[in-house]
Amino acid sequence: MSKMMRLVVVCFALICFGTATLAIGAEFYVVKDASGKTAVVDAKPADVKSVVKGPFKTKDEAEKAMKSAGKPKLPEEGC
């Protein structure tokens, strides 16, 4: 019984370590394709010119940046 419990604990620890490693290494980028559409991707694209913003640690941050990237800033002073 103790060998079985030890095996379960080791497997659980490996699974936890594996998922934590994937979460730490994740980077998200906001990219624009040739037709002008923006999207969030989880890997750095080969064409660096297509990257609009990034890297971001979470997908939510990247999506917020994508929404703000399409809106031009208005001038603070009048013409």
PDB file of N, CA and C in Angstrom:
ATOM      1  N   MET A   1       0.824  -1.201   0.000  1.00  0.00           N
ATOM      2  CA  MET A   1       0.000   0.000   0.000  1.00  0.00           C
ATOM      3  C   MET A   1       0.862   1.257   0.000  1.00  0.00           C
ATOM      4  N   SER A   2       1.958   1.234   0.712  1.00  0.00           N
ATOM      5  CA  SER A   2       2.778   2.435   0.784  1.00  0.00           C
ATOM      6  C   SER A   2       3.448   2.722  -0.560  1.00  0.00           C
ATOM      7  N   LYS A   3       3.802   1.682  -1.333  1.00  0.00           N
ATOM      8  CA  LYS A   3       4.388   1.894  -2.653  1.00  0.00           C
ATOM      9  C   LYS A   3       3.371   2.530  -3.596  1.00  0.00           C
ATOM     10  N   MET A   4       2.130   2.099  -3.479  1.00  0.00           N
ATOM     11  CA  MET A   4       1.066   2.663  -4.321  1.00  0.00           C
ATOM     12  C   MET A   4       0.835   4.133  -3.977  1.00  0.00           C
ATOM     13  N   MET A   5       0.821   4.458  -2.698  1.00  0.00           N
ATOM     14  CA  MET A   5       0.624   5.847  -2.280  1.00  0.00           C
ATOM     15  C   MET A   5       1.789   6.721  -2.739  1.00  0.00           C
ATOM     16  N   ARG A   6       3.002   6.194  -2.641  1.00  0.00           N
ATOM     17  CA  ARG A   6       4.183   6.928  -3.076  1.00  0.00           C
ATOM     18  C   ARG A   6       4.120   7.190  -4.581  1.00  0.00           C
ATOM     19  N   LEU A   7       3.674   6.221  -5.345  1.00  0.00           N
ATOM     20  CA  LEU A   7       3.533   6.372  -6.791  1.00  0.00           C
ATOM     21  C   LEU A   7       2.498   7.447  -7.134  1.00  0.00           C
ATOM     22  N   VAL A   8       1.396   7.443  -6.414  1.00  0.00           N
ATOM     23  CA  VAL A   8       0.351   8.443  -6.650  1.00  0.00           C
ATOM     24  C   VAL A   8       0.880   9.839  -6.341  1.00  0.00           C
ATOM     25  N   VAL A   9       1.597   9.994  -5.237  1.00  0.00           N
ATOM     26  CA  VAL A   9       2.136  11.303  -4.845  1.00  0.00           C
ATOM     27  C   VAL A   9       3.161  11.783  -5.872  1.00  0.00           C
ATOM     28  N   VAL A  10       4.024  10.903  -6.327  1.00  0.00           N
ATOM     29  CA  VAL A  10       5.036  11.277  -7.319  1.00  0.00           C
ATOM     30  C   VAL A  10       4.372  11.682  -8.635  1.00  0.00           C
ATOM     31  N   CYS A  11       3.381  10.926  -9.077  1.00  0.00           N
ATOM     32  CA  CYS A  11       2.669  11.269 -10.323  1.00  0.00           C
ATOM     33  C   CYS A  11       1.964  12.617 -10.195  1.00  0.00           C
ATOM     34  N   PHE A  12       1.327  12.848  -9.069  1.00  0.00           N
ATOM     35  CA  PHE A  12       0.639  14.124  -8.849  1.00  0.00           C
ATOM     36  C   PHE A  12       1.634  15.285  -8.860  1.00  0.00           C
ATOM     37  N   ALA A  13       2.788  15.096  -8.221  1.00  0.00           N
ATOM     38  CA  ALA A  13       3.808  16.144  -8.191  1.00  0.00           C
ATOM     39  C   ALA A  13       4.329  16.443  -9.595  1.00  0.00           C
ATOM     40  N   LEU A  14       4.538  15.409 -10.400  1.00  0.00           N
ATOM     41  CA  LEU A  14       5.015  15.614 -11.769  1.00  0.00           C
ATOM     42  C   LEU A  14       3.978  16.353 -12.625  1.00  0.00           C
ATOM     43  N   ILE A  15       2.731  16.014 -12.448  1.00  0.00           N
ATOM     44  CA  ILE A  15       1.671  16.702 -13.197  1.00  0.00           C
ATOM     45  C   ILE A  15       1.607  18.170 -12.794  1.00  0.00           C
ATOM     46  N   CYS A  16       1.672  18.443 -11.501  1.00  0.00           N
ATOM     47  CA  CYS A  16       1.639  19.837 -11.027  1.00  0.00           C
ATOM     48  C   CYS A  16       2.839  20.620 -11.541  1.00  0.00           C
ATOM     49  N   PHE A  17       4.009  20.020 -11.498  1.00  0.00           N
ATOM     50  CA  PHE A  17       5.213  20.680 -11.991  1.00  0.00           C
ATOM     51  C   PHE A  17       5.121  20.949 -13.489  1.00  0.00           C
ATOM     52  N   GLY A  18       4.603  19.992 -14.228  1.00  0.00           N
ATOM     53  CA  GLY A  18       4.473  20.161 -15.681  1.00  0.00           C
ATOM     54  C   GLY A  18       3.522  21.275 -16.065  1.00  0.00           C
ATOM     55  N   THR A  19       2.390  21.364 -15.398  1.00  0.00           N
ATOM     56  CA  THR A  19       1.443  22.428 -15.727  1.00  0.00           C
ATOM     57  C   THR A  19       1.956  23.791 -15.289  1.00  0.00           C
ATOM     58  N   ALA A  20       2.680  23.838 -14.171  1.00  0.00           N
ATOM     59  CA  ALA A  20       3.247  25.110 -13.725  1.00  0.00           C
ATOM     60  C   ALA A  20       4.323  25.581 -14.692  1.00  0.00           C
ATOM     61  N   THR A  21       5.106  24.676 -15.216  1.00  0.00           N
ATOM     62  CA  THR A  21       6.146  25.035 -16.178  1.00  0.00           C
ATOM     63  C   THR A  21       5.536  25.588 -17.458  1.00  0.00           C
ATOM     64  N   LEU A  22       4.446  24.991 -17.909  1.00  0.00           N
ATOM     65  CA  LEU A  22       3.789  25.497 -19.115  1.00  0.00           C
ATOM     66  C   LEU A  22       3.209  26.888 -18.881  1.00  0.00           C
ATOM     67  N   ALA A  23       2.653  27.136 -17.719  1.00  0.00           N
ATOM     68  CA  ALA A  23       2.059  28.432 -17.429  1.00  0.00           C
ATOM     69  C   ALA A  23       3.117  29.518 -17.316  1.00  0.00           C
ATOM     70  N   ILE A  24       4.277  29.182 -16.787  1.00  0.00           N
ATOM     71  CA  ILE A  24       5.336  30.175 -16.641  1.00  0.00           C
ATOM     72  C   ILE A  24       5.904  30.553 -18.004  1.00  0.00           C
ATOM     73  N   GLY A  25       6.038  29.603 -18.893  1.00  0.00           N
ATOM     74  CA  GLY A  25       6.658  29.848 -20.178  1.00  0.00           C
ATOM     75  C   GLY A  25       5.733  30.449 -21.224  1.00  0.00           C
ATOM     76  N   ALA A  26       4.459  30.612 -20.908  1.00  0.00           N
ATOM     77  CA  ALA A  26       3.508  31.102 -21.903  1.00  0.00           C
ATOM     78  C   ALA A  26       3.674  32.599 -22.113  1.00  0.00           C
ATOM     79  N   GLU A  27       3.698  33.005 -23.357  1.00  0.00           N
ATOM     80  CA  GLU A  27       3.710  34.413 -23.733  1.00  0.00           C
ATOM     81  C   GLU A  27       2.668  34.602 -24.817  1.00  0.00           C
ATOM     82  N   PHE A  28       1.970  35.707 -24.758  1.00  0.00           N
ATOM     83  CA  PHE A  28       0.920  35.996 -25.724  1.00  0.00           C
ATOM     84  C   PHE A  28       1.280  37.275 -26.467  1.00  0.00           C
ATOM     85  N   TYR A  29       0.960  37.295 -27.752  1.00  0.00           N
ATOM     86  CA  TYR A  29       1.260  38.430 -28.616  1.00  0.00           C
ATOM     87  C   TYR A  29      -0.003  38.854 -29.353  1.00  0.00           C
ATOM     88  N   VAL A  30      -0.112  40.151 -29.622  1.00  0.00           N
ATOM     89  CA  VAL A  30      -1.165  40.672 -30.482  1.00  0.00           C
ATOM     90  C   VAL A  30      -0.533  40.860 -31.851  1.00  0.00           C
ATOM     91  N   VAL A  31      -1.091  40.183 -32.856  1.00  0.00           N
ATOM     92  CA  VAL A  31      -0.534  40.230 -34.202  1.00  0.00           C
ATOM     93  C   VAL A  31      -1.591  40.697 -35.195  1.00  0.00           C
ATOM     94  N   LYS A  32      -1.115  41.227 -36.306  1.00  0.00           N
ATOM     95  CA  LYS A  32      -1.999  41.667 -37.384  1.00  0.00           C
ATOM     96  C   LYS A  32      -1.614  40.917 -38.643  1.00  0.00           C
ATOM     97  N   ASP A  33      -2.616  40.301 -39.301  1.00  0.00           N
ATOM     98  CA  ASP A  33      -2.324  39.549 -40.522  1.00  0.00           C
ATOM     99  C   ASP A  33      -2.366  40.475 -41.736  1.00  0.00           C
ATOM    100  N   ALA A  34      -2.165  39.906 -42.908  1.00  0.00           N
ATOM    101  CA  ALA A  34      -2.084  40.697 -44.145  1.00  0.00           C
ATOM    102  C   ALA A  34      -3.386  41.425 -44.462  1.00  0.00           C
ATOM    103  N   SER A  35      -4.529  40.861 -44.042  1.00  0.00           N
ATOM    104  CA  SER A  35      -5.814  41.512 -44.330  1.00  0.00           C
ATOM    105  C   SER A  35      -6.161  42.592 -43.316  1.00  0.00           C
ATOM    106  N   GLY A  36      -5.328  42.754 -42.276  1.00  0.00           N
ATOM    107  CA  GLY A  36      -5.554  43.809 -41.299  1.00  0.00           C
ATOM    108  C   GLY A  36      -6.287  43.361 -40.046  1.00  0.00           C
ATOM    109  N   LYS A  37      -6.598  42.073 -39.929  1.00  0.00           N
ATOM    110  CA  LYS A  37      -7.287  41.565 -38.740  1.00  0.00           C
ATOM    111  C   LYS A  37      -6.276  41.316 -37.628  1.00  0.00           C
ATOM    112  N   THR A  38      -6.645  41.688 -36.394  1.00  0.00           N
ATOM    113  CA  THR A  38      -5.782  41.432 -35.255  1.00  0.00           C
ATOM    114  C   THR A  38      -6.255  40.195 -34.508  1.00  0.00           C
ATOM    115  N   ALA A  39      -5.303  39.507 -33.890  1.00  0.00           N
ATOM    116  CA  ALA A  39      -5.606  38.296 -33.140  1.00  0.00           C
ATOM    117  C   ALA A  39      -4.576  38.116 -32.038  1.00  0.00           C
ATOM    118  N   VAL A  40      -4.927  37.323 -31.038  1.00  0.00           N
ATOM    119  CA  VAL A  40      -4.011  36.979 -29.950  1.00  0.00           C
ATOM    120  C   VAL A  40      -3.465  35.583 -30.233  1.00  0.00           C
ATOM    121  N   VAL A  41      -2.142  35.449 -30.205  1.00  0.00           N
ATOM    122  CA  VAL A  41      -1.502  34.152 -30.411  1.00  0.00           C
ATOM    123  C   VAL A  41      -0.620  33.831 -29.212  1.00  0.00           C
ATOM    124  N   ASP A  42      -0.369  32.535 -28.994  1.00  0.00           N
ATOM    125  CA  ASP A  42       0.397  32.129 -27.823  1.00  0.00           C
ATOM    126  C   ASP A  42       1.854  31.804 -28.125  1.00  0.00           C
ATOM    127  N   ALA A  43       2.316  32.119 -29.320  1.00  0.00           N
ATOM    128  CA  ALA A  43       3.718  31.917 -29.672  1.00  0.00           C
ATOM    129  C   ALA A  43       4.178  33.100 -30.514  1.00  0.00           C
ATOM    130  N   LYS A  44       5.438  33.458 -30.388  1.00  0.00           N
ATOM    131  CA  LYS A  44       5.961  34.576 -31.156  1.00  0.00           C
ATOM    132  C   LYS A  44       5.975  34.199 -32.641  1.00  0.00           C
ATOM    133  N   PRO A  45       5.332  35.029 -33.472  1.00  0.00           N
ATOM    134  CA  PRO A  45       5.290  34.698 -34.900  1.00  0.00           C
ATOM    135  C   PRO A  45       6.661  34.844 -35.554  1.00  0.00           C
ATOM    136  N   ALA A  46       6.848  34.120 -36.639  1.00  0.00           N
ATOM    137  CA  ALA A  46       8.119  34.164 -37.358  1.00  0.00           C
ATOM    138  C   ALA A  46       8.344  35.542 -37.976  1.00  0.00           C
ATOM    139  N   ASP A  47       7.268  36.170 -38.455  1.00  0.00           N
ATOM    140  CA  ASP A  47       7.363  37.500 -39.049  1.00  0.00           C
ATOM    141  C   ASP A  47       7.212  38.536 -37.937  1.00  0.00           C
ATOM    142  N   VAL A  48       8.327  39.126 -37.518  1.00  0.00           N
ATOM    143  CA  VAL A  48       8.320  40.078 -36.407  1.00  0.00           C
ATOM    144  C   VAL A  48       7.530  41.337 -36.763  1.00  0.00           C
ATOM    145  N   LYS A  49       7.413  41.660 -38.036  1.00  0.00           N
ATOM    146  CA  LYS A  49       6.687  42.859 -38.454  1.00  0.00           C
ATOM    147  C   LYS A  49       5.194  42.755 -38.183  1.00  0.00           C
ATOM    148  N   SER A  50       4.674  41.537 -38.016  1.00  0.00           N
ATOM    149  CA  SER A  50       3.247  41.372 -37.785  1.00  0.00           C
ATOM    150  C   SER A  50       2.863  41.568 -36.320  1.00  0.00           C
ATOM    151  N   VAL A  51       3.835  41.632 -35.418  1.00  0.00           N
ATOM    152  CA  VAL A  51       3.547  41.808 -33.999  1.00  0.00           C
ATOM    153  C   VAL A  51       3.144  43.262 -33.741  1.00  0.00           C
ATOM    154  N   VAL A  52       1.954  43.450 -33.180  1.00  0.00           N
ATOM    155  CA  VAL A  52       1.482  44.781 -32.846  1.00  0.00           C
ATOM    156  C   VAL A  52       1.929  45.142 -31.436  1.00  0.00           C
ATOM    157  N   LYS A  53       1.689  44.232 -30.486  1.00  0.00           N
ATOM    158  CA  LYS A  53       2.091  44.432 -29.100  1.00  0.00           C
ATOM    159  C   LYS A  53       2.462  43.095 -28.490  1.00  0.00           C
ATOM    160  N   GLY A  54       3.283  43.143 -27.460  1.00  0.00           N
ATOM    161  CA  GLY A  54       3.599  41.930 -26.732  1.00  0.00           C
ATOM    162  C   GLY A  54       5.047  41.889 -26.349  1.00  0.00           C
ATOM    163  N   PRO A  55       5.445  40.958 -25.581  1.00  0.00           N
ATOM    164  CA  PRO A  55       4.715  39.822 -25.042  1.00  0.00           C
ATOM    165  C   PRO A  55       3.921  40.175 -23.784  1.00  0.00           C
ATOM    166  N   PHE A  56       2.863  39.434 -23.557  1.00  0.00           N
ATOM    167  CA  PHE A  56       2.022  39.567 -22.371  1.00  0.00           C
ATOM    168  C   PHE A  56       2.066  38.256 -21.609  1.00  0.00           C
ATOM    169  N   LYS A  57       1.916  38.335 -20.284  1.00  0.00           N
ATOM    170  CA  LYS A  57       1.978  37.122 -19.463  1.00  0.00           C
ATOM    171  C   LYS A  57       0.672  36.348 -19.491  1.00  0.00           C
ATOM    172  N   THR A  58      -0.467  37.049 -19.645  1.00  0.00           N
ATOM    173  CA  THR A  58      -1.749  36.355 -19.666  1.00  0.00           C
ATOM    174  C   THR A  58      -2.505  36.685 -20.944  1.00  0.00           C
ATOM    175  N   LYS A  59      -3.421  35.821 -21.297  1.00  0.00           N
ATOM    176  CA  LYS A  59      -4.226  36.032 -22.496  1.00  0.00           C
ATOM    177  C   LYS A  59      -5.175  37.213 -22.300  1.00  0.00           C
ATOM    178  N   ASP A  60      -5.658  37.405 -21.067  1.00  0.00           N
ATOM    179  CA  ASP A  60      -6.549  38.532 -20.793  1.00  0.00           C
ATOM    180  C   ASP A  60      -5.856  39.868 -21.044  1.00  0.00           C
ATOM    181  N   GLU A  61      -4.601  39.993 -20.618  1.00  0.00           N
ATOM    182  CA  GLU A  61      -3.846  41.219 -20.871  1.00  0.00           C
ATOM    183  C   GLU A  61      -3.704  41.470 -22.370  1.00  0.00           C
ATOM    184  N   ALA A  62      -3.424  40.418 -23.113  1.00  0.00           N
ATOM    185  CA  ALA A  62      -3.251  40.549 -24.566  1.00  0.00           C
ATOM    186  C   ALA A  62      -4.561  40.947 -25.238  1.00  0.00           C
ATOM    187  N   GLU A  63      -5.686  40.377 -24.773  1.00  0.00           N
ATOM    188  CA  GLU A  63      -6.979  40.730 -25.362  1.00  0.00           C
ATOM    189  C   GLU A  63      -7.350  42.183 -25.064  1.00  0.00           C
ATOM    190  N   LYS A  64      -7.039  42.672 -23.861  1.00  0.00           N
ATOM    191  CA  LYS A  64      -7.293  44.078 -23.538  1.00  0.00           C
ATOM    192  C   LYS A  64      -6.447  44.987 -24.418  1.00  0.00           C
ATOM    193  N   ALA A  65      -5.183  44.606 -24.631  1.00  0.00           N
ATOM    194  CA  ALA A  65      -4.308  45.393 -25.501  1.00  0.00           C
ATOM    195  C   ALA A  65      -4.788  45.364 -26.939  1.00  0.00           C
ATOM    196  N   MET A  66      -5.333  44.233 -27.372  1.00  0.00           N
ATOM    197  CA  MET A  66      -5.840  44.121 -28.739  1.00  0.00           C
ATOM    198  C   MET A  66      -7.030  45.059 -28.932  1.00  0.00           C
ATOM    199  N   LYS A  67      -7.917  45.139 -27.937  1.00  0.00           N
ATOM    200  CA  LYS A  67      -9.076  46.017 -28.033  1.00  0.00           C
ATOM    201  C   LYS A  67      -8.655  47.481 -28.055  1.00  0.00           C
ATOM    202  N   SER A  68      -7.631  47.830 -27.289  1.00  0.00           N
ATOM    203  CA  SER A  68      -7.181  49.224 -27.259  1.00  0.00           C
ATOM    204  C   SER A  68      -6.303  49.564 -28.463  1.00  0.00           C
ATOM    205  N   ALA A  69      -5.733  48.551 -29.129  1.00  0.00           N
ATOM    206  CA  ALA A  69      -4.863  48.809 -30.284  1.00  0.00           C
ATOM    207  C   ALA A  69      -5.651  49.337 -31.471  1.00  0.00           C
ATOM    208  N   GLY A  70      -6.905  48.970 -31.589  1.00  0.00           N
ATOM    209  CA  GLY A  70      -7.707  49.399 -32.729  1.00  0.00           C
ATOM    210  C   GLY A  70      -8.274  50.799 -32.584  1.00  0.00           C
ATOM    211  N   LYS A  71      -8.233  51.340 -31.375  1.00  0.00           N
ATOM    212  CA  LYS A  71      -8.798  52.663 -31.140  1.00  0.00           C
ATOM    213  C   LYS A  71      -7.693  53.714 -31.167  1.00  0.00           C
ATOM    214  N   PRO A  72      -7.789  54.688 -32.057  1.00  0.00           N
ATOM    215  CA  PRO A  72      -6.773  55.733 -32.095  1.00  0.00           C
ATOM    216  C   PRO A  72      -6.954  56.680 -30.905  1.00  0.00           C
ATOM    217  N   LYS A  73      -5.841  57.237 -30.435  1.00  0.00           N
ATOM    218  CA  LYS A  73      -5.907  58.182 -29.327  1.00  0.00           C
ATOM    219  C   LYS A  73      -6.324  59.552 -29.863  1.00  0.00           C
ATOM    220  N   LEU A  74      -7.205  60.192 -29.162  1.00  0.00           N
ATOM    221  CA  LEU A  74      -7.636  61.524 -29.532  1.00  0.00           C
ATOM    222  C   LEU A  74      -6.677  62.548 -28.943  1.00  0.00           C
ATOM    223  N   PRO A  75      -6.443  63.643 -29.637  1.00  0.00           N
ATOM    224  CA  PRO A  75      -5.555  64.660 -29.094  1.00  0.00           C
ATOM    225  C   PRO A  75      -6.180  65.318 -27.866  1.00  0.00           C
ATOM    226  N   GLU A  76      -5.328  65.641 -26.898  1.00  0.00           N
ATOM    227  CA  GLU A  76      -5.823  66.248 -25.674  1.00  0.00           C
ATOM    228  C   GLU A  76      -6.156  67.726 -25.875  1.00  0.00           C
ATOM    229  N   GLU A  77      -5.469  68.380 -26.765  1.00  0.00           N
ATOM    230  CA  GLU A  77      -5.696  69.799 -27.021  1.00  0.00           C
ATOM    231  C   GLU A  77      -6.511  69.969 -28.279  1.00  0.00           C
ATOM    232  N   GLY A  78      -7.280  71.032 -28.340  1.00  0.00           N
ATOM    233  CA  GLY A  78      -8.062  71.317 -29.534  1.00  0.00           C
ATOM    234  C   GLY A  78      -7.208  71.807 -30.678  1.00  0.00           C
ATOM    235  N   CYS A  79      -7.774  71.831 -31.856  1.00  0.00           N
ATOM    236  CA  CYS A  79      -7.037  72.250 -33.053  1.00  0.00           C
ATOM    237  C   CYS A  79      -6.878  73.722 -33.099  1.00  0.00           C
TER     238      CYS A  79
END
